[in-house]
Amino acid sequence: MKKIVLYPGTFDPITKGHMDLVKRACRLFDTVIIAVADSPSKKPLFNLEERVGMVRQIFKGNSQVQVEGFNGLLAHFAQDKGALAVLRGIRAVSDFEFEFQLANMNRHLDPDLESIFLTPSEKYSYISSSLVREVASLGGDITAFVDSTVQQALEQKFSQ
């Protein structure tokens, strides 16, 4: 069984661009493990439990997808899960330099761990979690960018 870890960082929040990558990864791998990073230093809008819950809700009907929160090194998490690769999305050339550094560090930590990069569908290429958060915080319409589960969570968070 071929497993891959999709690591989009904190998933704060998960966007339709992330969902597109998961869908496409499911065509390539038997199991896609979505790794939601704790990353308290990044001060995510939603806590780890909330983020994992949203992602699980979105993919609840897909038996190929597993969703897990983690804290620590991604390479170690992937090893523990028996994954042969890490999948990252690249939206623009500007993403590549950081992703290249991350891939090389992961390769140093685990020489057997491959890094695979996919670009999202062009209709999602400009979407980022931070932009979605900003639009939502200002009362803008985010229905084109996120699942309804995420939209409701953001609306609730910003109405407090």
N, C-alpha and C. Protein backbone atom coordinates (compact mmCIF):
# COMPACT_ATOMS: atom_id res chain seq x y z
N MET A 1 0.85 -1.18 0.00
CA MET A 1 0.00 0.00 0.00
C MET A 1 0.89 1.23 0.00
N LYS A 2 0.72 2.09 -0.96
CA LYS A 2 1.52 3.30 -1.07
C LYS A 2 0.82 4.45 -0.34
N LYS A 3 1.58 5.03 0.59
CA LYS A 3 1.05 6.14 1.39
C LYS A 3 1.85 7.40 1.12
N ILE A 4 1.15 8.51 1.14
CA ILE A 4 1.80 9.81 1.04
C ILE A 4 1.24 10.70 2.14
N VAL A 5 2.08 11.58 2.65
CA VAL A 5 1.65 12.57 3.63
C VAL A 5 1.48 13.89 2.90
N LEU A 6 0.29 14.45 2.97
CA LEU A 6 0.04 15.79 2.45
C LEU A 6 0.25 16.74 3.60
N TYR A 7 1.21 17.61 3.47
CA TYR A 7 1.51 18.56 4.55
C TYR A 7 1.34 19.99 4.05
N PRO A 8 0.19 20.55 4.31
CA PRO A 8 -0.03 21.94 3.92
C PRO A 8 0.21 22.91 5.07
N GLY A 9 0.92 22.50 6.08
CA GLY A 9 1.19 23.37 7.22
C GLY A 9 0.08 23.29 8.24
N THR A 10 -0.39 24.44 8.67
CA THR A 10 -1.36 24.45 9.75
C THR A 10 -2.80 24.27 9.28
N PHE A 11 -3.06 24.38 7.98
CA PHE A 11 -4.43 24.26 7.47
C PHE A 11 -5.32 25.26 8.19
N ASP A 12 -4.97 26.50 8.19
CA ASP A 12 -5.71 27.48 8.97
C ASP A 12 -6.28 28.58 8.10
N PRO A 13 -7.33 28.36 7.38
CA PRO A 13 -8.16 27.16 7.27
C PRO A 13 -7.83 26.37 6.01
N ILE A 14 -8.43 25.18 5.89
CA ILE A 14 -8.30 24.38 4.68
C ILE A 14 -9.11 25.07 3.57
N THR A 15 -8.51 25.15 2.39
CA THR A 15 -9.16 25.82 1.26
C THR A 15 -9.51 24.80 0.18
N LYS A 16 -10.23 25.27 -0.83
CA LYS A 16 -10.53 24.40 -1.96
C LYS A 16 -9.27 24.04 -2.75
N GLY A 17 -8.24 24.86 -2.66
CA GLY A 17 -6.95 24.52 -3.26
C GLY A 17 -6.36 23.29 -2.59
N HIS A 18 -6.40 23.25 -1.25
CA HIS A 18 -5.94 22.07 -0.52
C HIS A 18 -6.78 20.85 -0.90
N MET A 19 -8.08 21.05 -0.97
CA MET A 19 -8.99 19.95 -1.30
C MET A 19 -8.69 19.40 -2.69
N ASP A 20 -8.35 20.27 -3.62
CA ASP A 20 -7.99 19.86 -4.97
C ASP A 20 -6.74 18.98 -4.94
N LEU A 21 -5.75 19.35 -4.13
CA LEU A 21 -4.53 18.55 -4.03
C LEU A 21 -4.81 17.17 -3.45
N VAL A 22 -5.69 17.11 -2.45
CA VAL A 22 -6.05 15.82 -1.85
C VAL A 22 -6.72 14.92 -2.90
N LYS A 23 -7.65 15.49 -3.63
CA LYS A 23 -8.36 14.72 -4.66
C LYS A 23 -7.39 14.15 -5.68
N ARG A 24 -6.45 14.95 -6.10
CA ARG A 24 -5.49 14.52 -7.11
C ARG A 24 -4.50 13.52 -6.53
N ALA A 25 -4.12 13.69 -5.27
CA ALA A 25 -3.21 12.75 -4.61
C ALA A 25 -3.87 11.38 -4.47
N CYS A 26 -5.18 11.36 -4.27
CA CYS A 26 -5.90 10.09 -4.14
C CYS A 26 -5.86 9.28 -5.43
N ARG A 27 -5.65 9.93 -6.56
CA ARG A 27 -5.52 9.21 -7.83
C ARG A 27 -4.15 8.55 -7.96
N LEU A 28 -3.17 9.07 -7.20
CA LEU A 28 -1.79 8.59 -7.31
C LEU A 28 -1.37 7.62 -6.21
N PHE A 29 -2.03 7.71 -5.05
CA PHE A 29 -1.64 6.92 -3.89
C PHE A 29 -2.85 6.22 -3.29
N ASP A 30 -2.59 5.09 -2.65
CA ASP A 30 -3.66 4.34 -2.01
C ASP A 30 -4.20 5.07 -0.78
N THR A 31 -3.29 5.68 -0.02
CA THR A 31 -3.66 6.39 1.21
C THR A 31 -3.02 7.76 1.21
N VAL A 32 -3.82 8.76 1.53
CA VAL A 32 -3.33 10.13 1.68
C VAL A 32 -3.55 10.51 3.14
N ILE A 33 -2.45 10.74 3.83
CA ILE A 33 -2.51 11.14 5.23
C ILE A 33 -2.34 12.65 5.28
N ILE A 34 -3.39 13.33 5.70
CA ILE A 34 -3.32 14.78 5.81
C ILE A 34 -2.77 15.10 7.19
N ALA A 35 -1.59 15.69 7.22
CA ALA A 35 -0.88 16.00 8.45
C ALA A 35 -1.14 17.46 8.81
N VAL A 36 -1.89 17.67 9.88
CA VAL A 36 -2.22 19.02 10.34
C VAL A 36 -1.25 19.36 11.46
N ALA A 37 -0.42 20.35 11.23
CA ALA A 37 0.62 20.72 12.20
C ALA A 37 0.03 21.53 13.35
N ASP A 38 0.52 21.25 14.55
CA ASP A 38 0.09 22.01 15.72
C ASP A 38 0.56 23.47 15.58
N SER A 39 1.82 23.70 15.42
CA SER A 39 2.45 25.00 15.15
C SER A 39 1.89 26.16 15.98
N PRO A 40 1.92 26.09 17.31
CA PRO A 40 1.39 27.20 18.10
C PRO A 40 2.17 28.50 17.89
N SER A 41 3.43 28.41 17.46
CA SER A 41 4.22 29.62 17.23
C SER A 41 3.66 30.45 16.07
N LYS A 42 2.91 29.83 15.16
CA LYS A 42 2.30 30.55 14.04
C LYS A 42 0.98 31.21 14.43
N LYS A 43 0.53 30.97 15.66
CA LYS A 43 -0.71 31.55 16.17
C LYS A 43 -1.89 31.34 15.22
N PRO A 44 -2.24 30.06 14.97
CA PRO A 44 -3.36 29.80 14.07
C PRO A 44 -4.69 30.30 14.66
N LEU A 45 -5.60 30.63 13.79
CA LEU A 45 -6.93 31.11 14.19
C LEU A 45 -7.70 30.02 14.91
N PHE A 46 -7.59 28.79 14.45
CA PHE A 46 -8.26 27.64 15.04
C PHE A 46 -7.22 26.77 15.74
N ASN A 47 -7.62 26.18 16.87
CA ASN A 47 -6.68 25.29 17.55
C ASN A 47 -6.56 23.98 16.76
N LEU A 48 -5.61 23.14 17.17
CA LEU A 48 -5.35 21.91 16.43
C LEU A 48 -6.58 21.02 16.35
N GLU A 49 -7.26 20.84 17.45
CA GLU A 49 -8.46 19.99 17.48
C GLU A 49 -9.53 20.51 16.51
N GLU A 50 -9.73 21.83 16.46
CA GLU A 50 -10.72 22.40 15.55
C GLU A 50 -10.32 22.17 14.10
N ARG A 51 -9.04 22.37 13.78
CA ARG A 51 -8.58 22.19 12.40
C ARG A 51 -8.68 20.75 11.96
N VAL A 52 -8.25 19.82 12.82
CA VAL A 52 -8.35 18.40 12.49
C VAL A 52 -9.82 18.03 12.30
N GLY A 53 -10.69 18.52 13.16
CA GLY A 53 -12.13 18.23 13.05
C GLY A 53 -12.73 18.71 11.75
N MET A 54 -12.37 19.93 11.33
CA MET A 54 -12.89 20.45 10.06
C MET A 54 -12.43 19.61 8.88
N VAL A 55 -11.14 19.26 8.87
CA VAL A 55 -10.60 18.49 7.75
C VAL A 55 -11.24 17.10 7.73
N ARG A 56 -11.41 16.50 8.88
CA ARG A 56 -12.08 15.18 8.93
C ARG A 56 -13.51 15.27 8.42
N GLN A 57 -14.20 16.33 8.78
CA GLN A 57 -15.58 16.52 8.33
C GLN A 57 -15.64 16.61 6.80
N ILE A 58 -14.72 17.35 6.24
CA ILE A 58 -14.71 17.55 4.79
C ILE A 58 -14.45 16.24 4.04
N PHE A 59 -13.57 15.39 4.58
CA PHE A 59 -13.18 14.16 3.88
C PHE A 59 -13.80 12.90 4.49
N LYS A 60 -14.86 13.05 5.28
CA LYS A 60 -15.44 11.91 6.00
C LYS A 60 -15.90 10.78 5.08
N GLY A 61 -16.26 11.05 3.85
CA GLY A 61 -16.72 10.01 2.94
C GLY A 61 -15.63 9.38 2.10
N ASN A 62 -14.40 9.80 2.27
CA ASN A 62 -13.30 9.31 1.44
C ASN A 62 -12.43 8.35 2.26
N SER A 63 -12.55 7.06 1.97
CA SER A 63 -11.82 6.04 2.73
C SER A 63 -10.31 6.06 2.49
N GLN A 64 -9.87 6.75 1.45
CA GLN A 64 -8.43 6.85 1.18
C GLN A 64 -7.74 7.87 2.05
N VAL A 65 -8.51 8.76 2.67
CA VAL A 65 -7.95 9.89 3.40
C VAL A 65 -7.96 9.64 4.90
N GLN A 66 -6.82 9.89 5.52
CA GLN A 66 -6.69 9.88 6.97
C GLN A 66 -6.26 11.29 7.38
N VAL A 67 -6.77 11.77 8.50
CA VAL A 67 -6.43 13.11 8.97
C VAL A 67 -5.86 12.98 10.37
N GLU A 68 -4.67 13.53 10.56
CA GLU A 68 -4.02 13.45 11.87
C GLU A 68 -3.31 14.75 12.19
N GLY A 69 -3.47 15.18 13.44
CA GLY A 69 -2.69 16.30 13.94
C GLY A 69 -1.35 15.77 14.41
N PHE A 70 -0.35 16.63 14.37
CA PHE A 70 0.96 16.21 14.87
C PHE A 70 1.76 17.41 15.35
N ASN A 71 2.76 17.09 16.14
CA ASN A 71 3.68 18.09 16.65
C ASN A 71 5.07 17.48 16.51
N GLY A 72 5.97 18.18 15.94
CA GLY A 72 7.32 17.66 15.75
C GLY A 72 7.75 17.78 14.31
N LEU A 73 8.73 16.98 13.94
CA LEU A 73 9.29 17.03 12.60
C LEU A 73 8.43 16.24 11.62
N LEU A 74 8.17 16.84 10.48
CA LEU A 74 7.39 16.19 9.44
C LEU A 74 8.03 14.89 8.98
N ALA A 75 9.34 14.88 8.83
CA ALA A 75 10.03 13.67 8.38
C ALA A 75 9.81 12.52 9.36
N HIS A 76 9.81 12.81 10.64
CA HIS A 76 9.58 11.77 11.64
C HIS A 76 8.12 11.30 11.60
N PHE A 77 7.21 12.24 11.42
CA PHE A 77 5.79 11.88 11.31
C PHE A 77 5.58 10.95 10.12
N ALA A 78 6.16 11.31 8.98
CA ALA A 78 6.02 10.49 7.77
C ALA A 78 6.62 9.09 7.98
N GLN A 79 7.78 9.02 8.64
CA GLN A 79 8.39 7.72 8.94
C GLN A 79 7.45 6.88 9.80
N ASP A 80 6.92 7.49 10.85
CA ASP A 80 6.02 6.78 11.77
C ASP A 80 4.79 6.23 11.06
N LYS A 81 4.35 6.92 10.02
CA LYS A 81 3.14 6.52 9.28
C LYS A 81 3.45 5.58 8.12
N GLY A 82 4.71 5.35 7.86
CA GLY A 82 5.08 4.47 6.75
C GLY A 82 4.88 5.10 5.39
N ALA A 83 4.92 6.42 5.34
CA ALA A 83 4.73 7.13 4.06
C ALA A 83 6.03 7.16 3.29
N LEU A 84 5.93 7.04 1.98
CA LEU A 84 7.13 7.09 1.17
C LEU A 84 7.42 8.48 0.61
N ALA A 85 6.47 9.40 0.78
CA ALA A 85 6.67 10.74 0.23
C ALA A 85 5.83 11.76 0.99
N VAL A 86 6.24 13.01 0.80
CA VAL A 86 5.51 14.16 1.30
C VAL A 86 5.04 14.95 0.09
N LEU A 87 3.79 15.31 0.11
CA LEU A 87 3.21 16.10 -0.98
C LEU A 87 3.04 17.54 -0.53
N ARG A 88 3.50 18.46 -1.35
CA ARG A 88 3.33 19.88 -1.08
C ARG A 88 2.76 20.54 -2.33
N GLY A 89 1.95 21.55 -2.12
CA GLY A 89 1.41 22.32 -3.22
C GLY A 89 2.26 23.53 -3.49
N ILE A 90 2.41 23.84 -4.76
CA ILE A 90 3.14 25.04 -5.16
C ILE A 90 2.20 25.87 -6.04
N ARG A 91 1.88 27.08 -5.57
CA ARG A 91 0.98 27.94 -6.31
C ARG A 91 1.70 28.83 -7.31
N ALA A 92 2.91 29.23 -6.97
CA ALA A 92 3.65 30.16 -7.82
C ALA A 92 5.14 29.89 -7.68
N VAL A 93 5.92 30.47 -8.57
CA VAL A 93 7.37 30.31 -8.53
C VAL A 93 7.91 30.76 -7.17
N SER A 94 7.30 31.77 -6.58
CA SER A 94 7.76 32.28 -5.29
C SER A 94 7.68 31.23 -4.19
N ASP A 95 6.81 30.24 -4.31
CA ASP A 95 6.72 29.15 -3.32
C ASP A 95 7.88 28.17 -3.43
N PHE A 96 8.49 28.09 -4.61
CA PHE A 96 9.45 27.03 -4.87
C PHE A 96 10.69 27.09 -3.99
N GLU A 97 11.24 28.26 -3.74
CA GLU A 97 12.49 28.35 -2.97
C GLU A 97 12.32 27.76 -1.57
N PHE A 98 11.25 28.13 -0.88
CA PHE A 98 11.00 27.59 0.45
C PHE A 98 10.76 26.08 0.38
N GLU A 99 9.97 25.64 -0.59
CA GLU A 99 9.66 24.22 -0.72
C GLU A 99 10.91 23.40 -1.04
N PHE A 100 11.81 23.97 -1.83
CA PHE A 100 13.07 23.32 -2.16
C PHE A 100 13.91 23.13 -0.90
N GLN A 101 13.97 24.16 -0.05
CA GLN A 101 14.71 24.07 1.21
C GLN A 101 14.09 23.01 2.13
N LEU A 102 12.76 23.02 2.22
CA LEU A 102 12.06 22.05 3.06
C LEU A 102 12.31 20.63 2.57
N ALA A 103 12.25 20.43 1.27
CA ALA A 103 12.49 19.10 0.69
C ALA A 103 13.90 18.62 1.00
N ASN A 104 14.87 19.50 0.88
CA ASN A 104 16.26 19.11 1.17
C ASN A 104 16.46 18.81 2.65
N MET A 105 15.83 19.56 3.53
CA MET A 105 15.93 19.28 4.96
C MET A 105 15.29 17.94 5.28
N ASN A 106 14.10 17.69 4.72
CA ASN A 106 13.45 16.40 4.95
C ASN A 106 14.29 15.25 4.42
N ARG A 107 14.94 15.45 3.29
CA ARG A 107 15.81 14.42 2.71
C ARG A 107 17.02 14.18 3.62
N HIS A 108 17.51 15.24 4.23
CA HIS A 108 18.63 15.08 5.18
C HIS A 108 18.18 14.27 6.40
N LEU A 109 16.98 14.56 6.90
CA LEU A 109 16.45 13.87 8.08
C LEU A 109 16.07 12.42 7.78
N ASP A 110 15.61 12.18 6.55
CA ASP A 110 15.22 10.83 6.13
C ASP A 110 15.54 10.68 4.64
N PRO A 111 16.71 10.12 4.32
CA PRO A 111 17.13 10.01 2.91
C PRO A 111 16.16 9.23 2.03
N ASP A 112 15.29 8.40 2.63
CA ASP A 112 14.34 7.62 1.84
C ASP A 112 13.02 8.34 1.58
N LEU A 113 12.82 9.50 2.21
CA LEU A 113 11.57 10.24 2.07
C LEU A 113 11.64 11.15 0.84
N GLU A 114 10.74 10.94 -0.09
CA GLU A 114 10.68 11.76 -1.30
C GLU A 114 9.76 12.94 -1.09
N SER A 115 9.97 13.99 -1.86
CA SER A 115 9.08 15.15 -1.87
C SER A 115 8.46 15.25 -3.25
N ILE A 116 7.15 15.41 -3.26
CA ILE A 116 6.41 15.53 -4.51
C ILE A 116 5.66 16.85 -4.48
N PHE A 117 5.71 17.57 -5.58
CA PHE A 117 5.04 18.87 -5.67
C PHE A 117 3.97 18.82 -6.74
N LEU A 118 2.81 19.34 -6.40
CA LEU A 118 1.73 19.48 -7.36
C LEU A 118 1.28 20.93 -7.36
N THR A 119 0.89 21.39 -8.51
CA THR A 119 0.28 22.71 -8.58
C THR A 119 -1.23 22.54 -8.51
N PRO A 120 -1.90 23.46 -7.84
CA PRO A 120 -3.36 23.34 -7.79
C PRO A 120 -3.97 23.70 -9.14
N SER A 121 -5.21 23.33 -9.30
CA SER A 121 -5.95 23.74 -10.48
C SER A 121 -5.85 25.26 -10.59
N GLU A 122 -5.78 25.76 -11.82
CA GLU A 122 -5.59 27.21 -12.02
C GLU A 122 -6.68 28.05 -11.34
N LYS A 123 -7.86 27.50 -11.16
CA LYS A 123 -8.92 28.29 -10.52
C LYS A 123 -8.68 28.46 -9.02
N TYR A 124 -7.73 27.70 -8.46
CA TYR A 124 -7.40 27.84 -7.04
C TYR A 124 -5.98 28.37 -6.81
N SER A 125 -5.27 28.69 -7.86
CA SER A 125 -3.85 29.02 -7.73
C SER A 125 -3.58 30.30 -6.94
N TYR A 126 -4.53 31.16 -6.79
CA TYR A 126 -4.30 32.42 -6.07
C TYR A 126 -4.84 32.37 -4.64
N ILE A 127 -5.43 31.26 -4.24
CA ILE A 127 -6.05 31.15 -2.92
C ILE A 127 -5.00 30.72 -1.89
N SER A 128 -4.98 31.43 -0.78
CA SER A 128 -4.15 31.02 0.36
C SER A 128 -5.00 31.12 1.62
N SER A 129 -4.62 30.35 2.61
CA SER A 129 -5.35 30.38 3.88
C SER A 129 -5.36 31.78 4.48
N SER A 130 -4.22 32.47 4.40
CA SER A 130 -4.15 33.80 5.00
C SER A 130 -5.06 34.80 4.28
N LEU A 131 -5.15 34.70 2.96
CA LEU A 131 -6.06 35.58 2.22
C LEU A 131 -7.52 35.28 2.56
N VAL A 132 -7.84 34.00 2.67
CA VAL A 132 -9.21 33.60 3.03
C VAL A 132 -9.56 34.13 4.41
N ARG A 133 -8.64 34.00 5.37
CA ARG A 133 -8.87 34.52 6.72
C ARG A 133 -9.12 36.02 6.69
N GLU A 134 -8.32 36.74 5.91
CA GLU A 134 -8.47 38.20 5.85
C GLU A 134 -9.80 38.59 5.24
N VAL A 135 -10.18 37.98 4.14
CA VAL A 135 -11.46 38.28 3.50
C VAL A 135 -12.61 37.97 4.45
N ALA A 136 -12.53 36.83 5.13
CA ALA A 136 -13.58 36.44 6.08
C ALA A 136 -13.65 37.41 7.25
N SER A 137 -12.51 37.85 7.73
CA SER A 137 -12.48 38.76 8.88
C SER A 137 -13.11 40.11 8.56
N LEU A 138 -13.10 40.46 7.28
CA LEU A 138 -13.67 41.74 6.84
C LEU A 138 -15.08 41.58 6.30
N GLY A 139 -15.66 40.41 6.48
CA GLY A 139 -17.04 40.17 6.08
C GLY A 139 -17.25 39.86 4.61
N GLY A 140 -16.18 39.51 3.89
CA GLY A 140 -16.29 39.20 2.47
C GLY A 140 -16.82 37.79 2.23
N ASP A 141 -17.28 37.56 1.02
CA ASP A 141 -17.83 36.28 0.62
C ASP A 141 -16.69 35.31 0.29
N ILE A 142 -16.61 34.20 1.02
CA ILE A 142 -15.53 33.23 0.81
C ILE A 142 -16.04 31.90 0.28
N THR A 143 -17.29 31.86 -0.16
CA THR A 143 -17.88 30.59 -0.61
C THR A 143 -17.13 29.95 -1.78
N ALA A 144 -16.49 30.72 -2.59
CA ALA A 144 -15.75 30.16 -3.74
C ALA A 144 -14.41 29.56 -3.32
N PHE A 145 -13.98 29.82 -2.09
CA PHE A 145 -12.63 29.43 -1.67
C PHE A 145 -12.57 28.29 -0.67
N VAL A 146 -13.68 28.04 0.05
CA VAL A 146 -13.66 27.03 1.12
C VAL A 146 -14.94 26.21 1.12
N ASP A 147 -14.87 25.05 1.75
CA ASP A 147 -16.03 24.20 1.97
C ASP A 147 -16.97 24.91 2.96
N SER A 148 -18.25 24.55 2.91
CA SER A 148 -19.23 25.20 3.79
C SER A 148 -18.91 24.97 5.28
N THR A 149 -18.28 23.85 5.62
CA THR A 149 -17.86 23.58 7.00
C THR A 149 -16.91 24.67 7.48
N VAL A 150 -15.96 25.01 6.65
CA VAL A 150 -14.96 26.03 6.98
C VAL A 150 -15.61 27.41 6.98
N GLN A 151 -16.46 27.67 6.01
CA GLN A 151 -17.13 28.96 5.94
C GLN A 151 -17.91 29.23 7.23
N GLN A 152 -18.66 28.25 7.68
CA GLN A 152 -19.43 28.42 8.91
C GLN A 152 -18.52 28.63 10.12
N ALA A 153 -17.42 27.89 10.19
CA ALA A 153 -16.48 28.04 11.31
C ALA A 153 -15.86 29.43 11.33
N LEU A 154 -15.50 29.93 10.14
CA LEU A 154 -14.91 31.27 10.05
C LEU A 154 -15.93 32.34 10.43
N GLU A 155 -17.15 32.20 9.92
CA GLU A 155 -18.20 33.17 10.27
C GLU A 155 -18.43 33.20 11.77
N GLN A 156 -18.47 32.03 12.37
CA GLN A 156 -18.68 31.95 13.83
C GLN A 156 -17.50 32.58 14.57
N LYS A 157 -16.29 32.28 14.14
CA LYS A 157 -15.08 32.81 14.80
C LYS A 157 -15.05 34.32 14.74
N PHE A 158 -15.41 34.89 13.58
CA PHE A 158 -15.32 36.34 13.44
C PHE A 158 -16.55 37.08 13.95
N SER A 159 -17.59 36.37 14.31
CA SER A 159 -18.77 37.04 14.87
C SER A 159 -18.64 37.20 16.39
N GLN A 160 -17.63 36.58 16.97
CA GLN A 160 -17.43 36.64 18.43
C GLN A 160 -16.81 37.95 18.86
